[in-house]
C-alpha atoms as a PDB file:
ATOM      1  CA  MET A   1      26.498 -11.972 -19.529  1.00  0.00           C
ATOM      2  CA  LYS A   2      26.063  -9.147 -17.021  1.00  0.00           C
ATOM      3  CA  LYS A   3      25.731  -6.570 -19.822  1.00  0.00           C
ATOM      4  CA  ILE A   4      23.025  -8.665 -21.483  1.00  0.00           C
ATOM      5  CA  PHE A   5      21.142  -8.962 -18.203  1.00  0.00           C
ATOM      6  CA  LEU A   6      21.305  -5.187 -17.587  1.00  0.00           C
ATOM      7  CA  PHE A   7      19.991  -4.576 -21.093  1.00  0.00           C
ATOM      8  CA  VAL A   8      17.043  -6.925 -20.518  1.00  0.00           C
ATOM      9  CA  LEU A   9      16.399  -5.275 -17.146  1.00  0.00           C
ATOM     10  CA  LYS A  10      16.343  -1.848 -18.800  1.00  0.00           C
ATOM     11  CA  VAL A  11      13.966  -2.915 -21.572  1.00  0.00           C
ATOM     12  CA  PHE A  12      11.434  -4.746 -19.421  1.00  0.00           C
ATOM     13  CA  ASN A  13      11.937  -2.869 -16.120  1.00  0.00           C
ATOM     14  CA  LEU A  14      10.558  -5.769 -14.085  1.00  0.00           C
ATOM     15  CA  LYS A  15      10.822  -6.198 -10.301  1.00  0.00           C
ATOM     16  CA  SER A  16      11.280  -9.933 -10.788  1.00  0.00           C
ATOM     17  CA  LEU A  17      14.407  -9.367 -12.884  1.00  0.00           C
ATOM     18  CA  ALA A  18      15.746  -6.983 -10.250  1.00  0.00           C
ATOM     19  CA  ILE A  19      15.370  -9.745  -7.666  1.00  0.00           C
ATOM     20  CA  VAL A  20      17.278 -12.129  -9.938  1.00  0.00           C
ATOM     21  CA  ARG A  21      20.027  -9.528 -10.130  1.00  0.00           C
ATOM     22  CA  SER A  22      20.236  -9.546  -6.312  1.00  0.00           C
ATOM     23  CA  LEU A  23      20.499 -13.324  -6.239  1.00  0.00           C
ATOM     24  CA  ILE A  24      23.284 -13.241  -8.815  1.00  0.00           C
ATOM     25  CA  SER A  25      25.179 -10.518  -6.961  1.00  0.00           C
ATOM     26  CA  TYR A  26      24.984 -12.042  -3.478  1.00  0.00           C
ATOM     27  CA  ASP A  27      25.916 -15.683  -3.672  1.00  0.00           C
ATOM     28  CA  LYS A  28      28.266 -16.941  -0.937  1.00  0.00           C
ATOM     29  CA  LYS A  29      31.316 -15.165  -2.367  1.00  0.00           C
ATOM     30  CA  GLY A  30      29.416 -11.923  -2.982  1.00  0.00           C
ATOM     31  CA  ALA A  31      27.973 -11.945   0.536  1.00  0.00           C
ATOM     32  CA  GLN A  32      31.410 -12.439   2.092  1.00  0.00           C
ATOM     33  CA  GLU A  33      32.782  -9.518   0.095  1.00  0.00           C
ATOM     34  CA  LEU A  34      29.835  -7.345   1.104  1.00  0.00           C
ATOM     35  CA  SER A  35      30.291  -8.236   4.770  1.00  0.00           C
ATOM     36  CA  LYS A  36      33.987  -7.360   4.596  1.00  0.00           C
ATOM     37  CA  ASN A  37      33.128  -3.934   3.203  1.00  0.00           C
ATOM     38  CA  ASP A  38      30.463  -3.160   5.824  1.00  0.00           C
ATOM     39  CA  ASN A  39      32.988  -1.791   8.304  1.00  0.00           C
ATOM     40  CA  LEU A  40      34.869   0.434   5.873  1.00  0.00           C
ATOM     41  CA  GLU A  41      35.352   4.017   6.996  1.00  0.00           C
ATOM     42  CA  ILE A  42      33.424   5.412   3.996  1.00  0.00           C
ATOM     43  CA  TYR A  43      30.188   4.083   5.521  1.00  0.00           C
ATOM     44  CA  ASN A  44      30.615   5.729   8.943  1.00  0.00           C
ATOM     45  CA  GLU A  45      29.138   9.017   7.730  1.00  0.00           C
ATOM     46  CA  GLN A  46      26.111   7.182   6.356  1.00  0.00           C
ATOM     47  CA  LYS A  47      25.574   5.311   9.613  1.00  0.00           C
ATOM     48  CA  ASP A  48      25.674   8.539  11.626  1.00  0.00           C
ATOM     49  CA  TYR A  49      23.313  10.234   9.186  1.00  0.00           C
ATOM     50  CA  PHE A  50      20.685   7.485   9.218  1.00  0.00           C
ATOM     51  CA  LYS A  51      20.945   6.972  12.975  1.00  0.00           C
ATOM     52  CA  GLN A  52      19.679  10.523  13.464  1.00  0.00           C
ATOM     53  CA  LEU A  53      16.705   9.901  11.166  1.00  0.00           C
ATOM     54  CA  ILE A  54      15.493   6.697  12.843  1.00  0.00           C
ATOM     55  CA  GLU A  55      16.385   7.306  16.495  1.00  0.00           C
ATOM     56  CA  THR A  56      13.935   9.887  17.867  1.00  0.00           C
ATOM     57  CA  ASN A  57      10.819   8.473  19.595  1.00  0.00           C
ATOM     58  CA  TYR A  58      11.100   5.053  17.958  1.00  0.00           C
ATOM     59  CA  THR A  59      12.102   2.023  20.041  1.00  0.00           C
ATOM     60  CA  ASP A  60       9.652  -0.784  19.259  1.00  0.00           C
ATOM     61  CA  SER A  61      10.261  -2.500  15.924  1.00  0.00           C
ATOM     62  CA  LEU A  62      12.106  -1.950  12.665  1.00  0.00           C
ATOM     63  CA  ILE A  63      12.232  -3.625   9.257  1.00  0.00           C
ATOM     64  CA  ASP A  64      15.566  -3.440   7.453  1.00  0.00           C
ATOM     65  CA  PHE A  65      14.524  -4.254   3.892  1.00  0.00           C
ATOM     66  CA  GLY A  66      17.458  -5.421   1.793  1.00  0.00           C
ATOM     67  CA  CYS A  67      19.549  -5.644   4.940  1.00  0.00           C
ATOM     68  CA  GLY A  68      22.479  -7.224   3.126  1.00  0.00           C
ATOM     69  CA  THR A  69      24.964  -8.600   5.628  1.00  0.00           C
ATOM     70  CA  GLY A  70      23.911  -6.170   8.364  1.00  0.00           C
ATOM     71  CA  ARG A  71      25.812  -2.993   7.601  1.00  0.00           C
ATOM     72  CA  TYR A  72      23.498  -0.806   9.705  1.00  0.00           C
ATOM     73  CA  LEU A  73      22.817  -3.181  12.609  1.00  0.00           C
ATOM     74  CA  GLU A  74      24.824  -1.111  15.063  1.00  0.00           C
ATOM     75  CA  ILE A  75      22.392   1.818  14.765  1.00  0.00           C
ATOM     76  CA  TYR A  76      19.407  -0.352  15.814  1.00  0.00           C
ATOM     77  CA  ALA A  77      20.506  -0.787  19.431  1.00  0.00           C
ATOM     78  CA  ASN A  78      17.424   1.008  20.837  1.00  0.00           C
ATOM     79  CA  PHE A  79      14.876  -1.205  19.073  1.00  0.00           C
ATOM     80  CA  ASN A  80      13.112  -4.096  20.798  1.00  0.00           C
ATOM     81  CA  LEU A  81      12.859  -6.177  17.611  1.00  0.00           C
ATOM     82  CA  VAL A  82      14.532  -5.923  14.209  1.00  0.00           C
ATOM     83  CA  HIS A  83      13.241  -7.781  11.152  1.00  0.00           C
ATOM     84  CA  LEU A  84      16.154  -8.467   8.807  1.00  0.00           C
ATOM     85  CA  VAL A  85      14.782  -8.913   5.280  1.00  0.00           C
ATOM     86  CA  ASP A  86      16.770  -9.938   2.235  1.00  0.00           C
ATOM     87  CA  ILE A  87      16.374 -12.167  -0.813  1.00  0.00           C
ATOM     88  CA  SER A  88      19.856 -13.666  -0.363  1.00  0.00           C
ATOM     89  CA  LYS A  89      20.150 -16.490   2.175  1.00  0.00           C
ATOM     90  CA  GLU A  90      23.923 -15.931   2.266  1.00  0.00           C
ATOM     91  CA  ASN A  91      23.445 -12.289   3.235  1.00  0.00           C
ATOM     92  CA  LEU A  92      20.996 -13.279   5.968  1.00  0.00           C
ATOM     93  CA  LYS A  93      23.378 -15.856   7.432  1.00  0.00           C
ATOM     94  CA  LEU A  94      26.076 -13.238   7.907  1.00  0.00           C
ATOM     95  CA  ALA A  95      23.635 -10.565   9.127  1.00  0.00           C
ATOM     96  CA  SER A  96      22.313 -12.933  11.808  1.00  0.00           C
ATOM     97  CA  ILE A  97      25.849 -13.567  13.075  1.00  0.00           C
ATOM     98  CA  LYS A  98      26.421  -9.821  13.428  1.00  0.00           C
ATOM     99  CA  ALA A  99      23.087  -9.338  15.186  1.00  0.00           C
ATOM    100  CA  GLU A 100      23.976 -12.067  17.702  1.00  0.00           C
ATOM    101  CA  LYS A 101      27.313 -10.423  18.471  1.00  0.00           C
ATOM    102  CA  LEU A 102      25.639  -7.042  18.984  1.00  0.00           C
ATOM    103  CA  GLY A 103      22.955  -8.504  21.255  1.00  0.00           C
ATOM    104  CA  ILE A 104      20.135  -7.315  19.012  1.00  0.00           C
ATOM    105  CA  LYS A 105      16.825  -9.176  19.152  1.00  0.00           C
ATOM    106  CA  TYR A 106      15.993 -10.039  15.556  1.00  0.00           C
ATOM    107  CA  ASN A 107      14.357 -12.407  13.155  1.00  0.00           C
ATOM    108  CA  ILE A 108      15.308 -13.110   9.564  1.00  0.00           C
ATOM    109  CA  ILE A 109      12.896 -13.075   6.641  1.00  0.00           C
ATOM    110  CA  ARG A 110      13.859 -14.190   3.152  1.00  0.00           C
ATOM    111  CA  SER A 111      11.201 -12.413   1.170  1.00  0.00           C
ATOM    112  CA  SER A 112      10.163  -9.800  -1.338  1.00  0.00           C
ATOM    113  CA  ILE A 113       8.355  -6.748  -0.049  1.00  0.00           C
ATOM    114  CA  PHE A 114       4.858  -7.968  -0.888  1.00  0.00           C
ATOM    115  CA  SER A 115       5.158 -10.988   1.410  1.00  0.00           C
ATOM    116  CA  LEU A 116       5.788  -8.814   4.476  1.00  0.00           C
ATOM    117  CA  ASN A 117       2.900  -8.247   6.880  1.00  0.00           C
ATOM    118  CA  SER A 118       4.356  -6.994  10.173  1.00  0.00           C
ATOM    119  CA  GLN A 119       3.560  -3.390  11.079  1.00  0.00           C
ATOM    120  CA  VAL A 120       6.573  -1.574  12.497  1.00  0.00           C
ATOM    121  CA  ASP A 121       7.693   1.764  13.901  1.00  0.00           C
ATOM    122  CA  ILE A 122      10.370   2.121  11.246  1.00  0.00           C
ATOM    123  CA  PHE A 123      10.725   0.778   7.726  1.00  0.00           C
ATOM    124  CA  PHE A 124      14.376   1.240   6.743  1.00  0.00           C
ATOM    125  CA  SER A 125      16.134   0.541   3.466  1.00  0.00           C
ATOM    126  CA  VAL A 126      19.393   1.841   2.003  1.00  0.00           C
ATOM    127  CA  GLY A 127      20.858   1.086  -1.409  1.00  0.00           C
ATOM    128  CA  VAL A 128      17.884  -0.965  -2.613  1.00  0.00           C
ATOM    129  CA  PHE A 129      15.275   1.113  -4.435  1.00  0.00           C
ATOM    130  CA  GLY A 130      16.378   2.339  -7.828  1.00  0.00           C
ATOM    131  CA  GLN A 131      19.263  -0.131  -7.760  1.00  0.00           C
ATOM    132  CA  PHE A 132      18.174  -3.664  -6.906  1.00  0.00           C
ATOM    133  CA  TYR A 133      14.437  -3.121  -6.601  1.00  0.00           C
ATOM    134  CA  GLN A 134      11.989  -1.117  -8.653  1.00  0.00           C
ATOM    135  CA  LEU A 135      10.065   1.610  -6.819  1.00  0.00           C
ATOM    136  CA  ASP A 136       6.564   2.199  -8.152  1.00  0.00           C
ATOM    137  CA  SER A 137       3.144   3.157  -6.781  1.00  0.00           C
ATOM    138  CA  LYS A 138       2.325  -0.373  -5.591  1.00  0.00           C
ATOM    139  CA  VAL A 139       5.625  -0.738  -3.753  1.00  0.00           C
ATOM    140  CA  LEU A 140       5.184   2.668  -2.144  1.00  0.00           C
ATOM    141  CA  GLU A 141       1.660   1.773  -1.042  1.00  0.00           C
ATOM    142  CA  LYS A 142       3.009  -1.449   0.483  1.00  0.00           C
ATOM    143  CA  ILE A 143       5.733   0.400   2.397  1.00  0.00           C
ATOM    144  CA  HIS A 144       3.123   2.777   3.796  1.00  0.00           C
ATOM    145  CA  SER A 145       0.907  -0.139   4.871  1.00  0.00           C
ATOM    146  CA  LEU A 146       3.758  -1.652   6.903  1.00  0.00           C
ATOM    147  CA  LEU A 147       3.967   1.399   9.171  1.00  0.00           C
ATOM    148  CA  SER A 148       2.224   1.392  12.532  1.00  0.00           C
ATOM    149  CA  LYS A 149       0.310   4.480  13.663  1.00  0.00           C
ATOM    150  CA  ASN A 150       2.754   7.425  13.631  1.00  0.00           C
ATOM    151  CA  GLY A 151       5.396   5.136  12.112  1.00  0.00           C
ATOM    152  CA  LYS A 152       8.028   6.319   9.662  1.00  0.00           C
ATOM    153  CA  ALA A 153       9.827   4.937   6.638  1.00  0.00           C
ATOM    154  CA  VAL A 154      13.390   6.029   5.930  1.00  0.00           C
ATOM    155  CA  PHE A 155      14.806   4.814   2.640  1.00  0.00           C
ATOM    156  CA  THR A 156      16.966   5.826  -0.284  1.00  0.00           C
ATOM    157  CA  VAL A 157      16.001   6.053  -3.928  1.00  0.00           C
ATOM    158  CA  LYS A 158      18.771   6.204  -6.510  1.00  0.00           C
ATOM    159  CA  VAL A 159      18.519   9.303  -8.685  1.00  0.00           C
ATOM    160  CA  LYS A 160      18.986   8.795 -12.405  1.00  0.00           C
ATOM    161  CA  GLU A 161      22.351  10.201 -13.492  1.00  0.00           C
ATOM    162  CA  GLN A 162      24.036  10.123 -16.880  1.00  0.00           C
ATOM    163  CA  SER A 163      27.269   8.905 -15.345  1.00  0.00           C
ATOM    164  CA  ASP A 164      25.984   5.538 -14.077  1.00  0.00           C
ATOM    165  CA  ASN A 165      24.121   2.500 -15.401  1.00  0.00           C
ATOM    166  CA  GLU A 166      21.510   2.036 -12.696  1.00  0.00           C
ATOM    167  CA  VAL A 167      18.620   1.145 -14.971  1.00  0.00           C
ATOM    168  CA  LEU A 168      16.052   1.190 -12.138  1.00  0.00           C
ATOM    169  CA  ALA A 169      17.039   4.692 -10.972  1.00  0.00           C
ATOM    170  CA  LEU A 170      14.283   7.313 -11.043  1.00  0.00           C
ATOM    171  CA  SER A 171      14.203  10.884 -12.274  1.00  0.00           C
ATOM    172  CA  ASP A 172      13.362  13.697  -9.857  1.00  0.00           C
ATOM    173  CA  GLN A 173      10.035  14.235 -11.617  1.00  0.00           C
ATOM    174  CA  LYS A 174       9.085  10.567 -11.303  1.00  0.00           C
ATOM    175  CA  ILE A 175       9.893  10.606  -7.598  1.00  0.00           C
ATOM    176  CA  LYS A 176       7.916  13.807  -7.118  1.00  0.00           C
ATOM    177  CA  ASN A 177       4.889  12.276  -8.842  1.00  0.00           C
ATOM    178  CA  LEU A 178       5.071   9.071  -6.784  1.00  0.00           C
ATOM    179  CA  PHE A 179       5.056  10.849  -3.438  1.00  0.00           C
ATOM    180  CA  GLN A 180       2.607  13.665  -4.129  1.00  0.00           C
ATOM    181  CA  ASP A 181      -0.205  12.117  -2.059  1.00  0.00           C
ATOM    182  CA  TYR A 182       1.960  11.099   0.915  1.00  0.00           C
ATOM    183  CA  ASN A 183       3.219  12.892   4.022  1.00  0.00           C
ATOM    184  CA  HIS A 184       6.913  12.975   3.229  1.00  0.00           C
ATOM    185  CA  LYS A 185      10.212  14.821   3.061  1.00  0.00           C
ATOM    186  CA  ILE A 186      12.902  14.350   0.426  1.00  0.00           C
ATOM    187  CA  HIS A 187      16.560  15.058   1.174  1.00  0.00           C
ATOM    188  CA  LYS A 188      19.197  15.223  -1.552  1.00  0.00           C
ATOM    189  CA  LYS A 189      22.312  13.410  -0.425  1.00  0.00           C
ATOM    190  CA  TYR A 190      25.567  12.295  -2.027  1.00  0.00           C
ATOM    191  CA  PHE A 191      27.053   9.061  -0.687  1.00  0.00           C
ATOM    192  CA  LYS A 192      30.500   7.696  -1.451  1.00  0.00           C
ATOM    193  CA  GLY A 193      30.873   4.350  -3.179  1.00  0.00           C
ATOM    194  CA  LEU A 194      33.750   1.904  -2.850  1.00  0.00           C
ATOM    195  CA  GLY A 195      35.851   3.669  -5.453  1.00  0.00           C
ATOM    196  CA  GLY A 196      35.453   7.006  -3.707  1.00  0.00           C
ATOM    197  CA  LYS A 197      33.017   8.305  -6.305  1.00  0.00           C
ATOM    198  CA  LYS A 198      29.929  10.082  -4.996  1.00  0.00           C
ATOM    199  CA  TYR A 199      26.450   9.041  -6.093  1.00  0.00           C
ATOM    200  CA  LEU A 200      23.279  11.083  -5.745  1.00  0.00           C
ATOM    201  CA  PHE A 201      20.349   9.705  -3.761  1.00  0.00           C
ATOM    202  CA  ASN A 202      17.025  10.941  -2.563  1.00  0.00           C
ATOM    203  CA  VAL A 203      16.630  10.075   1.105  1.00  0.00           C
ATOM    204  CA  ILE A 204      12.921   9.731   1.810  1.00  0.00           C
ATOM    205  CA  GLU A 205      11.179  10.265   5.131  1.00  0.00           C
ATOM    206  CA  LEU A 206       7.646   8.920   4.805  1.00  0.00           C
ATOM    207  CA  LYS A 207       5.281   9.313   7.759  1.00  0.00           C
ATOM    208  CA  LYS A 208       1.960   7.685   8.508  1.00  0.00           C
END
């Protein structure tokens, strides 16, 4: 069934199908497994890396889009308000528990990106675009619109590689074309997955 779904996703390349994939992946059991993995040592390097990108001069508000079960909550300690956004209600339940324990002021939003309307200092998203959510010109424009004056977006985009089956991943040329009219930086970064294999991402810094 999963192979059929991935084939359909590849053929039609629709954001709506990508959202369905997220719902399938993160039911109650999937969310519990994700939460258990959040504290694995392989993610410590990622947390340190992203903390440096979001920390300087930003303390007001942050959107974590596709927050999952709150893997990166601990690096938001300096922010006055964190919007936790995910399509999975099970993910959001577990993320809210973690936020409470960490003493982080937050709200939860079960939504796609186009339903968001709060302007924030930081838009943050890891492991979403090019995997569970399609990145295109309209999505990029929406991300930019969510940034307050001098705000910044920090997010990953999965790079298309022959060795994986991420059908929403983007080629370097496609990414270059998408961002040509924006104030941005692109960092090439390999991140370890659960099996120890490294996957290539573009880490985007997008400034308003």
